[in-house]
């Protein structure tokens, strides 16, 4: 079996209002290669944009990879790292408090992608000194501003 490429993925989501116009961004890094992706929606939530950023970044990979994922979203990182999202899925998108899990459509897509790739999770402090995280924030904000 061929060794998987290791790709670094930075992601961010942004929203003006919650719900409101939103944007997402992803930066893929592999060796000297860098690709920026971004998009937005007229009416969405911050968490949906955070999830979409990760999904779109992983979907951009054309083969299974080892992915070093950097996100400032505790919602995304904790739900994956602590197994919450898989538990919600097993319970038919119901949380342990018996309330419905939000964004099951996006979690389904993300969990499928996480099964395809070997994803290592890294939480980064938002709006701090990480240049790629800050660039993702700039791109995501620029996307939601298109809907103002």
N, C-alpha and C. Protein backbone atom coordinates (compact mmCIF):
# COMPACT_ATOMS: atom_id res chain seq x y z
N UNK A 1 0.85 -1.18 0.00
CA UNK A 1 0.00 0.00 0.00
C UNK A 1 0.89 1.24 0.00
N UNK A 2 0.57 2.17 -0.87
CA UNK A 2 1.35 3.41 -0.97
C UNK A 2 1.15 4.25 0.28
N UNK A 3 2.22 4.95 0.67
CA UNK A 3 2.12 5.82 1.82
C UNK A 3 1.26 7.03 1.47
N UNK A 4 0.40 7.41 2.39
CA UNK A 4 -0.47 8.56 2.17
C UNK A 4 0.31 9.86 2.28
N UNK A 5 -0.09 10.81 1.44
CA UNK A 5 0.46 12.16 1.54
C UNK A 5 -0.07 12.82 2.80
N UNK A 6 0.76 13.65 3.42
CA UNK A 6 0.32 14.43 4.57
C UNK A 6 0.04 15.85 4.13
N UNK A 7 -1.20 16.27 4.33
CA UNK A 7 -1.67 17.59 3.92
C UNK A 7 -2.06 18.36 5.19
N UNK A 8 -1.74 19.64 5.21
CA UNK A 8 -2.17 20.50 6.31
C UNK A 8 -3.38 21.29 5.83
N UNK A 9 -4.42 21.32 6.65
CA UNK A 9 -5.67 22.01 6.31
C UNK A 9 -6.02 22.98 7.42
N UNK A 10 -6.11 24.26 7.07
CA UNK A 10 -6.59 25.29 7.98
C UNK A 10 -8.00 25.67 7.54
N UNK A 11 -8.91 25.85 8.50
CA UNK A 11 -10.28 26.20 8.15
C UNK A 11 -10.83 27.27 9.09
N UNK A 12 -11.82 28.00 8.59
CA UNK A 12 -12.53 28.95 9.45
C UNK A 12 -13.89 29.24 8.85
N UNK A 13 -14.82 29.56 9.72
CA UNK A 13 -16.15 29.99 9.32
C UNK A 13 -16.45 31.31 10.00
N UNK A 14 -17.29 32.11 9.37
CA UNK A 14 -17.65 33.41 9.94
C UNK A 14 -19.10 33.72 9.60
N UNK A 15 -19.73 34.45 10.48
CA UNK A 15 -21.13 34.81 10.27
C UNK A 15 -21.35 36.21 10.81
N UNK A 16 -22.19 36.99 10.12
CA UNK A 16 -22.59 38.31 10.61
C UNK A 16 -24.02 38.16 11.10
N UNK A 17 -24.15 38.01 12.41
CA UNK A 17 -25.43 37.58 12.97
C UNK A 17 -25.41 36.07 13.00
N UNK A 18 -26.26 35.48 13.79
CA UNK A 18 -26.25 34.02 13.89
C UNK A 18 -27.68 33.55 14.16
N UNK A 19 -28.51 33.34 13.12
CA UNK A 19 -28.13 33.25 11.71
C UNK A 19 -27.96 34.62 11.03
N UNK A 20 -27.34 34.54 9.88
CA UNK A 20 -27.09 35.72 9.05
C UNK A 20 -26.24 35.31 7.87
N UNK A 21 -25.73 36.29 7.13
CA UNK A 21 -24.85 35.94 6.02
C UNK A 21 -23.56 35.32 6.57
N UNK A 22 -23.09 34.27 5.91
CA UNK A 22 -21.91 33.57 6.41
C UNK A 22 -20.90 33.28 5.33
N UNK A 23 -19.69 33.04 5.77
CA UNK A 23 -18.61 32.67 4.87
C UNK A 23 -17.76 31.58 5.48
N UNK A 24 -17.09 30.84 4.64
CA UNK A 24 -16.18 29.78 5.09
C UNK A 24 -14.91 29.88 4.25
N UNK A 25 -13.83 29.34 4.78
CA UNK A 25 -12.56 29.33 4.05
C UNK A 25 -11.72 28.14 4.49
N UNK A 26 -10.91 27.66 3.56
CA UNK A 26 -9.98 26.56 3.83
C UNK A 26 -8.69 26.84 3.08
N UNK A 27 -7.59 26.52 3.71
CA UNK A 27 -6.28 26.60 3.07
C UNK A 27 -5.64 25.22 3.17
N UNK A 28 -5.27 24.68 2.00
CA UNK A 28 -4.61 23.38 1.93
C UNK A 28 -3.13 23.61 1.65
N UNK A 29 -2.27 22.94 2.41
CA UNK A 29 -0.83 23.05 2.23
C UNK A 29 -0.24 21.65 2.03
N UNK A 30 0.58 21.50 0.99
CA UNK A 30 1.28 20.25 0.74
C UNK A 30 2.61 20.61 0.09
N UNK A 31 3.69 20.44 0.83
CA UNK A 31 5.00 20.86 0.32
C UNK A 31 4.97 22.35 0.03
N UNK A 32 5.34 22.72 -1.19
CA UNK A 32 5.32 24.14 -1.57
C UNK A 32 3.97 24.55 -2.16
N UNK A 33 3.06 23.60 -2.25
CA UNK A 33 1.73 23.85 -2.83
C UNK A 33 0.81 24.46 -1.78
N UNK A 34 0.08 25.50 -2.18
CA UNK A 34 -0.93 26.10 -1.30
C UNK A 34 -2.16 26.42 -2.13
N UNK A 35 -3.33 26.03 -1.62
CA UNK A 35 -4.59 26.31 -2.31
C UNK A 35 -5.57 26.92 -1.32
N UNK A 36 -6.18 28.04 -1.73
CA UNK A 36 -7.19 28.70 -0.90
C UNK A 36 -8.57 28.45 -1.51
N UNK A 37 -9.51 28.10 -0.66
CA UNK A 37 -10.90 27.88 -1.08
C UNK A 37 -11.79 28.73 -0.17
N UNK A 38 -12.87 29.26 -0.71
CA UNK A 38 -13.81 29.99 0.14
C UNK A 38 -15.16 30.08 -0.55
N UNK A 39 -16.17 30.34 0.25
CA UNK A 39 -17.53 30.48 -0.26
C UNK A 39 -18.41 31.03 0.85
N UNK A 40 -19.68 31.18 0.54
CA UNK A 40 -20.58 31.71 1.55
C UNK A 40 -22.03 31.40 1.24
N UNK A 41 -22.88 31.79 2.18
CA UNK A 41 -24.33 31.61 2.05
C UNK A 41 -25.02 32.85 2.60
N UNK A 42 -26.17 33.15 2.02
CA UNK A 42 -26.90 34.36 2.41
C UNK A 42 -27.46 34.28 3.83
N UNK A 43 -27.90 33.09 4.24
CA UNK A 43 -28.48 32.94 5.59
C UNK A 43 -28.04 31.59 6.15
N UNK A 44 -27.22 31.66 7.18
CA UNK A 44 -26.66 30.44 7.76
C UNK A 44 -26.24 30.72 9.19
N UNK A 45 -25.52 29.79 9.79
CA UNK A 45 -25.00 29.99 11.15
C UNK A 45 -23.48 29.83 11.14
N UNK A 46 -22.87 30.33 12.19
CA UNK A 46 -21.43 30.21 12.33
C UNK A 46 -20.99 28.74 12.32
N UNK A 47 -21.70 27.91 13.08
CA UNK A 47 -21.30 26.50 13.14
C UNK A 47 -21.43 25.80 11.80
N UNK A 48 -22.46 26.15 11.02
CA UNK A 48 -22.59 25.56 9.68
C UNK A 48 -21.42 25.97 8.79
N UNK A 49 -20.97 27.20 8.93
CA UNK A 49 -19.84 27.66 8.13
C UNK A 49 -18.54 26.99 8.57
N UNK A 50 -18.37 26.78 9.88
CA UNK A 50 -17.19 26.07 10.38
C UNK A 50 -17.15 24.64 9.82
N UNK A 51 -18.28 23.96 9.86
CA UNK A 51 -18.36 22.60 9.32
C UNK A 51 -18.12 22.58 7.82
N UNK A 52 -18.73 23.52 7.11
CA UNK A 52 -18.59 23.57 5.65
C UNK A 52 -17.13 23.79 5.26
N UNK A 53 -16.42 24.61 6.00
CA UNK A 53 -15.01 24.86 5.70
C UNK A 53 -14.20 23.57 5.74
N UNK A 54 -14.42 22.77 6.78
CA UNK A 54 -13.69 21.50 6.91
C UNK A 54 -14.10 20.54 5.79
N UNK A 55 -15.41 20.43 5.55
CA UNK A 55 -15.92 19.54 4.50
C UNK A 55 -15.32 19.90 3.15
N UNK A 56 -15.38 21.17 2.79
CA UNK A 56 -14.90 21.59 1.47
C UNK A 56 -13.39 21.39 1.34
N UNK A 57 -12.67 21.61 2.43
CA UNK A 57 -11.23 21.35 2.41
C UNK A 57 -10.93 19.88 2.18
N UNK A 58 -11.62 19.00 2.90
CA UNK A 58 -11.40 17.56 2.73
C UNK A 58 -11.87 17.08 1.36
N UNK A 59 -12.97 17.64 0.87
CA UNK A 59 -13.49 17.24 -0.45
C UNK A 59 -12.53 17.63 -1.58
N UNK A 60 -11.68 18.63 -1.34
CA UNK A 60 -10.74 19.08 -2.37
C UNK A 60 -9.59 18.09 -2.58
N UNK A 61 -9.42 17.16 -1.66
CA UNK A 61 -8.35 16.16 -1.79
C UNK A 61 -8.77 15.07 -2.75
N UNK A 62 -7.89 14.73 -3.69
CA UNK A 62 -8.27 13.76 -4.72
C UNK A 62 -7.84 12.33 -4.40
N UNK A 63 -7.35 12.11 -3.20
CA UNK A 63 -7.01 10.76 -2.75
C UNK A 63 -6.99 10.77 -1.23
N UNK A 64 -7.11 9.58 -0.60
CA UNK A 64 -7.04 9.53 0.85
C UNK A 64 -5.69 10.05 1.35
N UNK A 65 -5.73 10.93 2.33
CA UNK A 65 -4.52 11.56 2.86
C UNK A 65 -4.50 11.51 4.38
N UNK A 66 -3.32 11.76 4.92
CA UNK A 66 -3.20 12.09 6.34
C UNK A 66 -3.41 13.60 6.39
N UNK A 67 -4.35 14.05 7.18
CA UNK A 67 -4.70 15.47 7.21
C UNK A 67 -4.46 16.03 8.61
N UNK A 68 -3.63 17.05 8.68
CA UNK A 68 -3.42 17.80 9.92
C UNK A 68 -4.39 18.97 9.85
N UNK A 69 -5.51 18.85 10.56
CA UNK A 69 -6.58 19.84 10.51
C UNK A 69 -6.44 20.84 11.64
N UNK A 70 -6.37 22.12 11.28
CA UNK A 70 -6.28 23.21 12.25
C UNK A 70 -7.55 24.04 12.15
N UNK A 71 -8.26 24.16 13.27
CA UNK A 71 -9.50 24.93 13.32
C UNK A 71 -9.59 25.65 14.65
N UNK A 72 -10.21 26.83 14.64
CA UNK A 72 -10.44 27.54 15.91
C UNK A 72 -11.85 27.25 16.44
N UNK A 73 -12.53 26.28 15.84
CA UNK A 73 -13.89 25.93 16.25
C UNK A 73 -13.88 24.79 17.26
N UNK A 74 -14.20 25.12 18.51
CA UNK A 74 -14.33 24.08 19.53
C UNK A 74 -15.48 23.14 19.19
N UNK A 75 -16.52 23.68 18.56
CA UNK A 75 -17.67 22.87 18.14
C UNK A 75 -17.20 21.72 17.23
N UNK A 76 -16.40 22.03 16.24
CA UNK A 76 -15.92 21.01 15.30
C UNK A 76 -14.90 20.10 15.97
N UNK A 77 -13.87 20.69 16.56
CA UNK A 77 -12.79 19.88 17.13
C UNK A 77 -13.29 18.98 18.25
N UNK A 78 -14.05 19.55 19.19
CA UNK A 78 -14.54 18.73 20.31
C UNK A 78 -15.50 17.63 19.86
N UNK A 79 -16.39 17.95 18.95
CA UNK A 79 -17.38 16.95 18.51
C UNK A 79 -16.69 15.77 17.82
N UNK A 80 -15.59 16.02 17.13
CA UNK A 80 -14.84 14.93 16.49
C UNK A 80 -13.92 14.24 17.50
N UNK A 81 -13.13 15.03 18.20
CA UNK A 81 -12.12 14.49 19.10
C UNK A 81 -12.73 13.70 20.26
N UNK A 82 -13.83 14.20 20.80
CA UNK A 82 -14.46 13.56 21.96
C UNK A 82 -15.51 12.53 21.57
N UNK A 83 -15.69 12.33 20.26
CA UNK A 83 -16.61 11.30 19.78
C UNK A 83 -18.08 11.67 19.83
N UNK A 84 -18.38 12.94 20.13
CA UNK A 84 -19.78 13.35 20.22
C UNK A 84 -20.52 13.13 18.91
N UNK A 85 -19.91 13.53 17.80
CA UNK A 85 -20.59 13.45 16.50
C UNK A 85 -20.94 12.00 16.15
N UNK A 86 -20.02 11.08 16.39
CA UNK A 86 -20.31 9.65 16.13
C UNK A 86 -21.44 9.15 17.04
N UNK A 87 -21.46 9.62 18.28
CA UNK A 87 -22.54 9.23 19.21
C UNK A 87 -23.88 9.77 18.73
N UNK A 88 -23.89 11.04 18.29
CA UNK A 88 -25.14 11.62 17.77
C UNK A 88 -25.62 10.80 16.57
N UNK A 89 -24.69 10.42 15.71
CA UNK A 89 -25.03 9.64 14.53
C UNK A 89 -25.63 8.28 14.93
N UNK A 90 -24.99 7.60 15.87
CA UNK A 90 -25.48 6.29 16.34
C UNK A 90 -26.88 6.39 16.93
N UNK A 91 -27.17 7.53 17.57
CA UNK A 91 -28.49 7.72 18.21
C UNK A 91 -29.50 8.36 17.27
N UNK A 92 -29.21 8.39 15.97
CA UNK A 92 -30.15 8.99 15.03
C UNK A 92 -30.19 10.50 15.14
N UNK A 93 -29.03 11.10 15.38
CA UNK A 93 -28.88 12.56 15.49
C UNK A 93 -29.63 13.15 16.67
N UNK A 94 -29.56 12.39 17.77
CA UNK A 94 -30.10 12.86 19.05
C UNK A 94 -28.93 12.92 20.03
N UNK A 95 -28.84 14.03 20.76
CA UNK A 95 -27.76 14.20 21.73
C UNK A 95 -28.09 13.47 23.03
N UNK A 96 -27.12 13.38 23.92
CA UNK A 96 -27.32 12.66 25.18
C UNK A 96 -28.41 13.30 26.04
N UNK A 97 -28.66 14.61 25.84
CA UNK A 97 -29.73 15.29 26.59
C UNK A 97 -31.10 15.12 25.92
N UNK A 98 -31.15 14.24 24.93
CA UNK A 98 -32.38 13.91 24.18
C UNK A 98 -32.83 15.01 23.21
N UNK A 99 -32.06 16.07 23.09
CA UNK A 99 -32.38 17.12 22.12
C UNK A 99 -31.77 16.75 20.78
N UNK A 100 -32.37 17.24 19.69
CA UNK A 100 -31.80 16.92 18.38
C UNK A 100 -30.43 17.56 18.19
N UNK A 101 -29.51 16.80 17.59
CA UNK A 101 -28.20 17.35 17.23
C UNK A 101 -28.41 18.30 16.05
N UNK A 102 -27.72 19.42 16.08
CA UNK A 102 -27.83 20.39 14.99
C UNK A 102 -26.92 20.00 13.83
N UNK A 103 -27.31 20.40 12.65
CA UNK A 103 -26.51 20.23 11.43
C UNK A 103 -26.20 18.77 11.06
N UNK A 104 -27.17 17.86 11.21
CA UNK A 104 -26.87 16.45 10.90
C UNK A 104 -26.46 16.23 9.44
N UNK A 105 -26.98 17.05 8.53
CA UNK A 105 -26.61 16.90 7.12
C UNK A 105 -25.11 17.12 6.91
N UNK A 106 -24.57 18.14 7.59
CA UNK A 106 -23.15 18.43 7.46
C UNK A 106 -22.30 17.43 8.25
N UNK A 107 -22.76 17.03 9.42
CA UNK A 107 -22.01 16.04 10.19
C UNK A 107 -21.92 14.72 9.44
N UNK A 108 -22.99 14.31 8.75
CA UNK A 108 -22.95 13.07 7.95
C UNK A 108 -21.83 13.15 6.92
N UNK A 109 -21.77 14.27 6.19
CA UNK A 109 -20.73 14.45 5.17
C UNK A 109 -19.35 14.45 5.80
N UNK A 110 -19.19 15.16 6.91
CA UNK A 110 -17.88 15.27 7.54
C UNK A 110 -17.42 13.92 8.10
N UNK A 111 -18.30 13.19 8.75
CA UNK A 111 -17.91 11.88 9.29
C UNK A 111 -17.51 10.91 8.18
N UNK A 112 -18.20 10.96 7.05
CA UNK A 112 -17.82 10.11 5.91
C UNK A 112 -16.42 10.48 5.41
N UNK A 113 -16.14 11.77 5.33
CA UNK A 113 -14.81 12.22 4.89
C UNK A 113 -13.73 11.84 5.91
N UNK A 114 -14.05 11.90 7.18
CA UNK A 114 -13.10 11.51 8.22
C UNK A 114 -12.80 10.02 8.19
N UNK A 115 -13.73 9.23 7.65
CA UNK A 115 -13.50 7.80 7.48
C UNK A 115 -12.58 7.53 6.30
N UNK A 116 -12.61 8.40 5.32
CA UNK A 116 -11.78 8.26 4.12
C UNK A 116 -10.34 8.69 4.37
N UNK A 117 -10.18 9.77 5.13
CA UNK A 117 -8.86 10.33 5.42
C UNK A 117 -8.47 10.03 6.87
N UNK A 118 -7.19 10.10 7.16
CA UNK A 118 -6.71 9.99 8.54
C UNK A 118 -6.54 11.41 9.05
N UNK A 119 -7.50 11.88 9.84
CA UNK A 119 -7.55 13.28 10.25
C UNK A 119 -7.03 13.44 11.67
N UNK A 120 -6.01 14.28 11.81
CA UNK A 120 -5.46 14.64 13.13
C UNK A 120 -5.95 16.04 13.45
N UNK A 121 -6.55 16.19 14.62
CA UNK A 121 -7.22 17.44 14.98
C UNK A 121 -6.35 18.35 15.83
N UNK A 122 -6.36 19.63 15.49
CA UNK A 122 -5.60 20.64 16.24
C UNK A 122 -6.47 21.88 16.42
N UNK A 123 -6.71 22.25 17.67
CA UNK A 123 -7.44 23.49 17.92
C UNK A 123 -6.44 24.62 18.00
N UNK A 124 -6.76 25.74 17.33
CA UNK A 124 -5.92 26.93 17.40
C UNK A 124 -6.77 28.08 17.92
N UNK A 125 -6.14 28.97 18.65
CA UNK A 125 -6.85 30.15 19.15
C UNK A 125 -7.16 31.06 17.98
N UNK A 126 -8.41 31.46 17.85
CA UNK A 126 -8.82 32.34 16.76
C UNK A 126 -8.28 33.75 16.94
N UNK A 127 -8.03 34.41 15.83
CA UNK A 127 -7.60 35.82 15.82
C UNK A 127 -6.33 36.02 16.65
N UNK A 128 -5.46 35.02 16.64
CA UNK A 128 -4.20 35.12 17.39
C UNK A 128 -3.05 35.27 16.38
N UNK A 129 -1.96 34.61 16.65
CA UNK A 129 -0.76 34.84 15.84
C UNK A 129 -0.52 33.77 14.78
N UNK A 130 -1.56 33.03 14.40
CA UNK A 130 -1.38 32.00 13.38
C UNK A 130 -1.73 32.58 12.01
N UNK A 131 -0.74 32.77 11.14
CA UNK A 131 -0.99 33.43 9.85
C UNK A 131 -2.03 32.72 8.97
N UNK A 132 -2.01 31.39 8.93
CA UNK A 132 -2.98 30.68 8.07
C UNK A 132 -4.39 30.77 8.64
N UNK A 133 -4.52 30.69 9.97
CA UNK A 133 -5.84 30.85 10.58
C UNK A 133 -6.36 32.27 10.33
N UNK A 134 -5.49 33.25 10.46
CA UNK A 134 -5.90 34.63 10.22
C UNK A 134 -6.30 34.84 8.76
N UNK A 135 -5.58 34.21 7.83
CA UNK A 135 -5.93 34.32 6.41
C UNK A 135 -7.29 33.68 6.15
N UNK A 136 -7.56 32.54 6.76
CA UNK A 136 -8.87 31.90 6.61
C UNK A 136 -9.97 32.83 7.12
N UNK A 137 -9.73 33.48 8.24
CA UNK A 137 -10.71 34.42 8.78
C UNK A 137 -10.96 35.55 7.79
N UNK A 138 -9.90 36.11 7.22
CA UNK A 138 -10.06 37.19 6.22
C UNK A 138 -10.91 36.74 5.04
N UNK A 139 -10.61 35.55 4.53
CA UNK A 139 -11.36 35.01 3.39
C UNK A 139 -12.83 34.77 3.74
N UNK A 140 -13.09 34.19 4.91
CA UNK A 140 -14.47 33.89 5.34
C UNK A 140 -15.26 35.17 5.53
N UNK A 141 -14.66 36.18 6.15
CA UNK A 141 -15.34 37.46 6.35
C UNK A 141 -15.64 38.13 5.01
N UNK A 142 -14.68 38.07 4.09
CA UNK A 142 -14.90 38.65 2.75
C UNK A 142 -16.08 37.98 2.06
N UNK A 143 -16.26 36.68 2.30
CA UNK A 143 -17.38 35.96 1.68
C UNK A 143 -18.72 36.42 2.24
N UNK A 144 -18.84 36.54 3.59
CA UNK A 144 -20.15 36.96 4.10
C UNK A 144 -20.46 38.39 3.73
N UNK A 145 -19.44 39.20 3.56
CA UNK A 145 -19.68 40.60 3.19
C UNK A 145 -20.29 40.73 1.80
N UNK A 146 -20.12 39.72 0.96
CA UNK A 146 -20.75 39.73 -0.37
C UNK A 146 -22.26 39.70 -0.29
N UNK A 147 -22.79 39.26 0.86
CA UNK A 147 -24.25 39.15 1.02
C UNK A 147 -24.85 40.34 1.75
N UNK A 148 -24.04 41.30 2.16
CA UNK A 148 -24.54 42.48 2.88
C UNK A 148 -25.19 43.46 1.93
